[in-house]
Every structure is written in C-alpha cells, then in structure tokens.
Amino acid sequence: MATHIKIKTLENSFTHFDTHSNNYTLCGLETGGDGGLDISESVIVKRKVNCPDCIRIVEFCHNIKKSEFT
C-alpha cells in the first residue's frame, strides 16, 4: 500500500501519494517545503488521496498497457 501524506499550505490542504524518493509527492511537491507554497504542515496520514494532480497521474498510468513498456 502506498504512503499518503497530508500537506497543508496557506491556501489549501490536500492528501498526496508520497514517493519516498527525494522527499517529493507523486505530483511533484517537495514535502520539506516547496518554493512559494508556504507549506506549514506535512504529515503521514491514512486518509484517501484527494490531490487532483496525484489522481490524474494515477489514472493516466492505468491506461498504459504493459506491452507499451516491456
């Protein structure tokens, strides 16, 4: 199961997929603080992901056939 991380900024609060790769979410936010977003909180949670960009990436990947990359 993927790790979910809640990131709270001054403008909104979304739950993202955590990639465990260089402290970035699936949609590209830096979990330690992304330039200009003023991240005030970044915690691991068990909530469903509601980040529109993370969801868009997952849905796109579901449309890729295995024969396209192996």
N, C-alpha and C. Protein backbone atom coordinates (compact mmCIF):
# COMPACT_ATOMS: atom_id res chain seq x y z
N MET A 1 0.84 -1.18 0.00
CA MET A 1 0.00 0.00 0.00
C MET A 1 0.89 1.24 0.00
N ALA A 2 0.47 2.23 -0.75
CA ALA A 2 1.23 3.47 -0.86
C ALA A 2 1.07 4.31 0.41
N THR A 3 2.09 5.11 0.67
CA THR A 3 2.03 6.03 1.80
C THR A 3 1.34 7.31 1.36
N HIS A 4 0.46 7.79 2.20
CA HIS A 4 -0.27 9.03 1.92
C HIS A 4 0.25 10.11 2.85
N ILE A 5 0.42 11.30 2.32
CA ILE A 5 0.95 12.40 3.12
C ILE A 5 0.07 13.63 2.94
N LYS A 6 -0.32 14.21 4.06
CA LYS A 6 -1.15 15.42 4.03
C LYS A 6 -0.22 16.63 4.06
N ILE A 7 -0.42 17.52 3.10
CA ILE A 7 0.37 18.74 3.05
C ILE A 7 -0.58 19.93 3.18
N LYS A 8 -0.33 20.72 4.18
CA LYS A 8 -1.17 21.91 4.43
C LYS A 8 -0.37 23.15 4.04
N THR A 9 -0.96 23.96 3.19
CA THR A 9 -0.35 25.23 2.82
C THR A 9 -1.25 26.35 3.32
N LEU A 10 -0.86 27.55 3.07
CA LEU A 10 -1.70 28.68 3.48
C LEU A 10 -3.00 28.72 2.69
N GLU A 11 -3.00 28.14 1.48
CA GLU A 11 -4.18 28.20 0.61
C GLU A 11 -5.09 26.97 0.71
N ASN A 12 -4.52 25.77 0.92
CA ASN A 12 -5.34 24.56 0.93
C ASN A 12 -4.66 23.43 1.70
N SER A 13 -5.35 22.32 1.75
CA SER A 13 -4.82 21.13 2.42
C SER A 13 -5.25 19.91 1.61
N PHE A 14 -4.29 19.20 1.02
CA PHE A 14 -4.58 18.02 0.23
C PHE A 14 -3.77 16.84 0.75
N THR A 15 -4.29 15.63 0.49
CA THR A 15 -3.55 14.42 0.79
C THR A 15 -2.98 13.90 -0.53
N HIS A 16 -1.67 13.61 -0.52
CA HIS A 16 -0.94 13.22 -1.72
C HIS A 16 -0.37 11.82 -1.56
N PHE A 17 0.07 11.22 -2.68
CA PHE A 17 0.86 10.00 -2.63
C PHE A 17 2.31 10.40 -2.37
N ASP A 18 2.94 9.76 -1.40
CA ASP A 18 4.35 10.02 -1.09
C ASP A 18 5.19 9.02 -1.88
N THR A 19 6.20 9.50 -2.59
CA THR A 19 7.01 8.62 -3.44
C THR A 19 8.22 8.05 -2.71
N HIS A 20 8.56 8.57 -1.55
CA HIS A 20 9.76 8.16 -0.81
C HIS A 20 11.02 8.36 -1.64
N SER A 21 10.95 9.24 -2.61
CA SER A 21 12.08 9.50 -3.49
C SER A 21 12.43 10.98 -3.43
N ASN A 22 13.52 11.29 -2.78
CA ASN A 22 13.99 12.68 -2.68
C ASN A 22 12.97 13.63 -2.07
N ASN A 23 12.12 13.13 -1.18
CA ASN A 23 11.15 13.96 -0.45
C ASN A 23 10.17 14.68 -1.35
N TYR A 24 9.65 13.98 -2.36
CA TYR A 24 8.65 14.56 -3.25
C TYR A 24 7.38 13.72 -3.25
N THR A 25 6.25 14.37 -3.48
CA THR A 25 4.99 13.66 -3.68
C THR A 25 4.92 13.21 -5.14
N LEU A 26 3.94 12.39 -5.47
CA LEU A 26 3.78 11.92 -6.84
C LEU A 26 3.58 13.07 -7.81
N CYS A 27 2.87 14.11 -7.39
CA CYS A 27 2.61 15.25 -8.27
C CYS A 27 3.75 16.26 -8.29
N GLY A 28 4.79 16.02 -7.50
CA GLY A 28 5.98 16.87 -7.59
C GLY A 28 6.19 17.89 -6.50
N LEU A 29 5.33 17.92 -5.49
CA LEU A 29 5.56 18.85 -4.38
C LEU A 29 6.70 18.34 -3.50
N GLU A 30 7.54 19.24 -3.07
CA GLU A 30 8.61 18.88 -2.16
C GLU A 30 8.04 18.86 -0.75
N THR A 31 8.12 17.72 -0.08
CA THR A 31 7.48 17.57 1.23
C THR A 31 8.15 18.41 2.31
N GLY A 32 9.37 18.81 2.08
CA GLY A 32 10.07 19.64 3.05
C GLY A 32 9.78 21.12 2.87
N GLY A 33 9.02 21.46 1.87
CA GLY A 33 8.69 22.86 1.58
C GLY A 33 8.96 23.17 0.13
N ASP A 34 7.94 23.59 -0.58
CA ASP A 34 8.06 23.87 -2.00
C ASP A 34 8.07 25.38 -2.19
N GLY A 35 8.98 25.86 -2.99
CA GLY A 35 9.15 27.29 -3.18
C GLY A 35 7.85 28.04 -3.43
N GLY A 36 7.54 28.97 -2.57
CA GLY A 36 6.39 29.84 -2.76
C GLY A 36 5.07 29.30 -2.22
N LEU A 37 4.99 28.04 -1.82
CA LEU A 37 3.72 27.49 -1.36
C LEU A 37 3.51 27.65 0.13
N ASP A 38 4.52 27.98 0.87
CA ASP A 38 4.42 28.16 2.31
C ASP A 38 3.80 26.95 3.01
N ILE A 39 4.43 25.80 2.85
CA ILE A 39 3.93 24.58 3.48
C ILE A 39 4.11 24.71 5.00
N SER A 40 2.99 24.57 5.70
CA SER A 40 3.04 24.72 7.15
C SER A 40 2.94 23.38 7.87
N GLU A 41 2.56 22.33 7.15
CA GLU A 41 2.39 21.02 7.77
C GLU A 41 2.56 19.94 6.72
N SER A 42 3.27 18.88 7.07
CA SER A 42 3.45 17.74 6.19
C SER A 42 3.52 16.49 7.06
N VAL A 43 2.43 15.71 7.10
CA VAL A 43 2.37 14.54 7.98
C VAL A 43 1.82 13.33 7.23
N ILE A 44 2.27 12.13 7.62
CA ILE A 44 1.76 10.89 7.05
C ILE A 44 0.39 10.60 7.66
N VAL A 45 -0.57 10.26 6.81
CA VAL A 45 -1.95 10.01 7.26
C VAL A 45 -2.48 8.75 6.59
N LYS A 46 -3.64 8.28 7.06
CA LYS A 46 -4.29 7.11 6.46
C LYS A 46 -5.53 7.51 5.67
N ARG A 47 -5.65 8.77 5.33
CA ARG A 47 -6.78 9.27 4.55
C ARG A 47 -6.63 8.89 3.07
N LYS A 48 -7.74 8.96 2.35
CA LYS A 48 -7.68 8.77 0.91
C LYS A 48 -7.04 10.00 0.27
N VAL A 49 -6.32 9.76 -0.81
CA VAL A 49 -5.67 10.86 -1.55
C VAL A 49 -6.75 11.69 -2.24
N ASN A 50 -6.64 13.02 -2.10
CA ASN A 50 -7.59 13.91 -2.77
C ASN A 50 -6.90 14.99 -3.59
N CYS A 51 -5.61 14.84 -3.83
CA CYS A 51 -4.88 15.79 -4.67
C CYS A 51 -5.26 15.53 -6.13
N PRO A 52 -5.82 16.51 -6.82
CA PRO A 52 -6.24 16.31 -8.21
C PRO A 52 -5.08 15.91 -9.13
N ASP A 53 -3.89 16.44 -8.89
CA ASP A 53 -2.75 16.11 -9.75
C ASP A 53 -2.26 14.69 -9.51
N CYS A 54 -2.18 14.25 -8.26
CA CYS A 54 -1.79 12.86 -7.97
C CYS A 54 -2.79 11.89 -8.59
N ILE A 55 -4.07 12.18 -8.46
CA ILE A 55 -5.12 11.32 -9.01
C ILE A 55 -5.02 11.27 -10.53
N ARG A 56 -4.77 12.40 -11.17
CA ARG A 56 -4.64 12.47 -12.63
C ARG A 56 -3.48 11.58 -13.11
N ILE A 57 -2.37 11.60 -12.40
CA ILE A 57 -1.20 10.79 -12.77
C ILE A 57 -1.51 9.30 -12.64
N VAL A 58 -2.17 8.91 -11.55
CA VAL A 58 -2.53 7.50 -11.34
C VAL A 58 -3.49 7.04 -12.43
N GLU A 59 -4.50 7.85 -12.74
CA GLU A 59 -5.47 7.48 -13.77
C GLU A 59 -4.79 7.35 -15.13
N PHE A 60 -3.85 8.23 -15.43
CA PHE A 60 -3.12 8.14 -16.69
C PHE A 60 -2.33 6.83 -16.75
N CYS A 61 -1.67 6.48 -15.65
CA CYS A 61 -0.86 5.26 -15.63
C CYS A 61 -1.71 4.01 -15.81
N HIS A 62 -2.95 4.03 -15.34
CA HIS A 62 -3.84 2.88 -15.51
C HIS A 62 -4.15 2.63 -16.98
N ASN A 63 -4.02 3.64 -17.82
CA ASN A 63 -4.32 3.50 -19.23
C ASN A 63 -3.14 2.99 -20.06
N ILE A 64 -1.99 2.83 -19.44
CA ILE A 64 -0.81 2.35 -20.15
C ILE A 64 -0.79 0.82 -20.11
N LYS A 65 -0.70 0.23 -21.29
CA LYS A 65 -0.67 -1.23 -21.39
C LYS A 65 0.74 -1.73 -21.11
N LYS A 66 0.82 -2.88 -20.48
CA LYS A 66 2.13 -3.46 -20.15
C LYS A 66 2.98 -3.66 -21.40
N SER A 67 2.35 -3.95 -22.51
CA SER A 67 3.09 -4.17 -23.76
C SER A 67 3.77 -2.89 -24.26
N GLU A 68 3.38 -1.75 -23.73
CA GLU A 68 3.98 -0.49 -24.15
C GLU A 68 5.33 -0.23 -23.49
N PHE A 69 5.67 -0.95 -22.41
CA PHE A 69 6.92 -0.66 -21.73
C PHE A 69 7.76 -1.89 -21.43
N THR A 70 7.36 -3.06 -21.88
CA THR A 70 8.20 -4.23 -21.66
C THR A 70 8.57 -4.90 -22.96
